[in-house]
Amino acid sequence: MNEIRRLLFLLICALFALVWPAVASQKFEVSDDAIYDQVRRRLANDPDVKGGTLGVEVKEGVVTLRGTVEKEKLKQKAEKLTKKVPGVKRVINELKIEPVRTS
């Protein structure tokens, strides 16, 4: 009886060792809609970027940013914030820089 248990235990361990890498390597996809919502929220809530008016498009995890910001630093920050959103595979940063004009 002990040998049967031992054999069963080894069989279960071997099966687990074969299946686990396949399960662990699966990447769970985040929907484009969820990515869009998170990117919009992060950009709009950032006190520097103030990205409420920026355009965001998401297709298969690739995010395209459009619109204008005042400085290169803000363009880079918007991209950095976007890259931190789970599910984002790549960022295409088409933001243009238009300094604030003072009269």
C-alpha atoms as a PDB file:
ATOM      1  CA  MET A   1       0.000   0.000   0.000  1.00  0.00           C
ATOM      2  CA  ASN A   2       2.854   2.402   0.812  1.00  0.00           C
ATOM      3  CA  GLU A   3       4.462   1.733  -2.545  1.00  0.00           C
ATOM      4  CA  ILE A   4       1.214   2.562  -4.324  1.00  0.00           C
ATOM      5  CA  ARG A   5       0.965   5.838  -2.435  1.00  0.00           C
ATOM      6  CA  ARG A   6       4.597   6.639  -3.196  1.00  0.00           C
ATOM      7  CA  LEU A   7       4.081   5.844  -6.878  1.00  0.00           C
ATOM      8  CA  LEU A   8       0.920   7.927  -6.964  1.00  0.00           C
ATOM      9  CA  PHE A   9       2.747  10.811  -5.278  1.00  0.00           C
ATOM     10  CA  LEU A  10       5.590  10.639  -7.814  1.00  0.00           C
ATOM     11  CA  LEU A  11       3.112  10.510 -10.668  1.00  0.00           C
ATOM     12  CA  ILE A  12       1.311  13.606  -9.378  1.00  0.00           C
ATOM     13  CA  CYS A  13       4.641  15.433  -8.940  1.00  0.00           C
ATOM     14  CA  ALA A  14       5.706  14.533 -12.475  1.00  0.00           C
ATOM     15  CA  LEU A  15       2.388  15.698 -13.881  1.00  0.00           C
ATOM     16  CA  PHE A  16       2.623  18.951 -11.940  1.00  0.00           C
ATOM     17  CA  ALA A  17       6.193  19.510 -13.201  1.00  0.00           C
ATOM     18  CA  LEU A  18       5.012  19.080 -16.788  1.00  0.00           C
ATOM     19  CA  VAL A  19       1.923  21.279 -16.523  1.00  0.00           C
ATOM     20  CA  TRP A  20       3.175  24.107 -14.293  1.00  0.00           C
ATOM     21  CA  PRO A  21       5.513  25.822 -16.827  1.00  0.00           C
ATOM     22  CA  ALA A  22       2.686  26.058 -19.365  1.00  0.00           C
ATOM     23  CA  VAL A  23       0.301  27.546 -16.803  1.00  0.00           C
ATOM     24  CA  ALA A  24       2.894  29.927 -15.344  1.00  0.00           C
ATOM     25  CA  SER A  25       3.917  31.267 -18.755  1.00  0.00           C
ATOM     26  CA  GLN A  26       0.385  32.215 -19.785  1.00  0.00           C
ATOM     27  CA  LYS A  27      -0.059  35.943 -20.002  1.00  0.00           C
ATOM     28  CA  PHE A  28      -3.459  37.212 -19.094  1.00  0.00           C
ATOM     29  CA  GLU A  29      -4.552  39.793 -21.631  1.00  0.00           C
ATOM     30  CA  VAL A  30      -5.960  43.091 -20.435  1.00  0.00           C
ATOM     31  CA  SER A  31      -8.701  44.458 -22.685  1.00  0.00           C
ATOM     32  CA  ASP A  32      -8.076  47.564 -24.755  1.00  0.00           C
ATOM     33  CA  ASP A  33     -11.035  49.242 -23.037  1.00  0.00           C
ATOM     34  CA  ALA A  34      -9.501  48.644 -19.594  1.00  0.00           C
ATOM     35  CA  ILE A  35      -6.141  49.974 -20.806  1.00  0.00           C
ATOM     36  CA  TYR A  36      -7.858  53.029 -22.303  1.00  0.00           C
ATOM     37  CA  ASP A  37      -9.663  53.788 -19.042  1.00  0.00           C
ATOM     38  CA  GLN A  38      -6.504  53.443 -16.957  1.00  0.00           C
ATOM     39  CA  VAL A  39      -4.377  55.581 -19.299  1.00  0.00           C
ATOM     40  CA  ARG A  40      -7.018  58.338 -19.426  1.00  0.00           C
ATOM     41  CA  ARG A  41      -7.325  58.288 -15.638  1.00  0.00           C
ATOM     42  CA  ARG A  42      -3.565  58.442 -15.041  1.00  0.00           C
ATOM     43  CA  LEU A  43      -3.002  61.253 -17.515  1.00  0.00           C
ATOM     44  CA  ALA A  44      -5.966  63.301 -16.286  1.00  0.00           C
ATOM     45  CA  ASN A  45      -5.031  62.891 -12.624  1.00  0.00           C
ATOM     46  CA  ASP A  46      -1.384  63.803 -13.032  1.00  0.00           C
ATOM     47  CA  PRO A  47      -0.839  67.372 -11.720  1.00  0.00           C
ATOM     48  CA  ASP A  48       1.938  68.073 -14.235  1.00  0.00           C
ATOM     49  CA  VAL A  49       0.597  66.501 -17.425  1.00  0.00           C
ATOM     50  CA  LYS A  50      -3.039  67.488 -16.858  1.00  0.00           C
ATOM     51  CA  GLY A  51      -3.872  65.108 -19.681  1.00  0.00           C
ATOM     52  CA  GLY A  52      -7.644  65.367 -19.653  1.00  0.00           C
ATOM     53  CA  THR A  53      -7.656  66.736 -23.197  1.00  0.00           C
ATOM     54  CA  LEU A  54      -5.078  64.379 -24.675  1.00  0.00           C
ATOM     55  CA  GLY A  55      -6.191  61.838 -27.239  1.00  0.00           C
ATOM     56  CA  VAL A  56      -5.707  58.180 -26.364  1.00  0.00           C
ATOM     57  CA  GLU A  57      -6.177  55.282 -28.762  1.00  0.00           C
ATOM     58  CA  VAL A  58      -5.573  51.630 -27.879  1.00  0.00           C
ATOM     59  CA  LYS A  59      -5.339  48.738 -30.308  1.00  0.00           C
ATOM     60  CA  GLU A  60      -4.137  45.313 -29.188  1.00  0.00           C
ATOM     61  CA  GLY A  61      -2.287  46.820 -26.233  1.00  0.00           C
ATOM     62  CA  VAL A  62      -0.513  49.492 -28.295  1.00  0.00           C
ATOM     63  CA  VAL A  63      -1.371  52.975 -27.030  1.00  0.00           C
ATOM     64  CA  THR A  64      -1.149  56.062 -29.245  1.00  0.00           C
ATOM     65  CA  LEU A  65      -1.050  59.457 -27.522  1.00  0.00           C
ATOM     66  CA  ARG A  66      -2.100  62.570 -29.441  1.00  0.00           C
ATOM     67  CA  GLY A  67      -2.529  66.214 -28.583  1.00  0.00           C
ATOM     68  CA  THR A  68      -0.328  68.970 -27.256  1.00  0.00           C
ATOM     69  CA  VAL A  69       1.698  69.574 -24.115  1.00  0.00           C
ATOM     70  CA  GLU A  70       3.722  72.595 -23.033  1.00  0.00           C
ATOM     71  CA  LYS A  71       7.170  71.002 -22.629  1.00  0.00           C
ATOM     72  CA  GLU A  72       9.258  68.021 -23.713  1.00  0.00           C
ATOM     73  CA  LYS A  73       9.370  66.962 -20.066  1.00  0.00           C
ATOM     74  CA  LEU A  74       5.572  66.610 -20.022  1.00  0.00           C
ATOM     75  CA  LYS A  75       5.604  64.630 -23.263  1.00  0.00           C
ATOM     76  CA  GLN A  76       8.070  62.192 -21.722  1.00  0.00           C
ATOM     77  CA  LYS A  77       6.105  61.995 -18.472  1.00  0.00           C
ATOM     78  CA  ALA A  78       2.871  61.197 -20.319  1.00  0.00           C
ATOM     79  CA  GLU A  79       4.632  58.344 -22.100  1.00  0.00           C
ATOM     80  CA  LYS A  80       6.144  57.075 -18.856  1.00  0.00           C
ATOM     81  CA  LEU A  81       2.756  57.128 -17.086  1.00  0.00           C
ATOM     82  CA  THR A  82       1.207  55.260 -20.000  1.00  0.00           C
ATOM     83  CA  LYS A  83       3.896  52.559 -20.027  1.00  0.00           C
ATOM     84  CA  LYS A  84       3.159  51.788 -16.366  1.00  0.00           C
ATOM     85  CA  VAL A  85      -0.441  50.768 -17.106  1.00  0.00           C
ATOM     86  CA  PRO A  86      -0.853  46.973 -16.971  1.00  0.00           C
ATOM     87  CA  GLY A  87      -1.392  45.489 -20.419  1.00  0.00           C
ATOM     88  CA  VAL A  88       0.363  48.248 -22.371  1.00  0.00           C
ATOM     89  CA  LYS A  89       2.714  46.604 -24.861  1.00  0.00           C
ATOM     90  CA  ARG A  90       4.022  49.737 -26.559  1.00  0.00           C
ATOM     91  CA  VAL A  91       3.434  53.493 -26.647  1.00  0.00           C
ATOM     92  CA  ILE A  92       3.379  55.584 -29.804  1.00  0.00           C
ATOM     93  CA  ASN A  93       3.916  59.129 -28.592  1.00  0.00           C
ATOM     94  CA  GLU A  94       2.583  61.609 -31.149  1.00  0.00           C
ATOM     95  CA  LEU A  95       2.249  64.448 -28.630  1.00  0.00           C
ATOM     96  CA  LYS A  96       3.289  67.829 -29.959  1.00  0.00           C
ATOM     97  CA  ILE A  97       4.965  70.529 -27.917  1.00  0.00           C
ATOM     98  CA  GLU A  98       3.355  73.971 -27.926  1.00  0.00           C
ATOM     99  CA  PRO A  99       4.719  76.308 -25.271  1.00  0.00           C
ATOM    100  CA  VAL A 100       2.200  78.539 -23.542  1.00  0.00           C
ATOM    101  CA  ARG A 101       2.116  81.932 -25.217  1.00  0.00           C
ATOM    102  CA  THR A 102       2.049  84.934 -22.962  1.00  0.00           C
ATOM    103  CA  SER A 103       0.809  88.237 -24.275  1.00  0.00           C
END
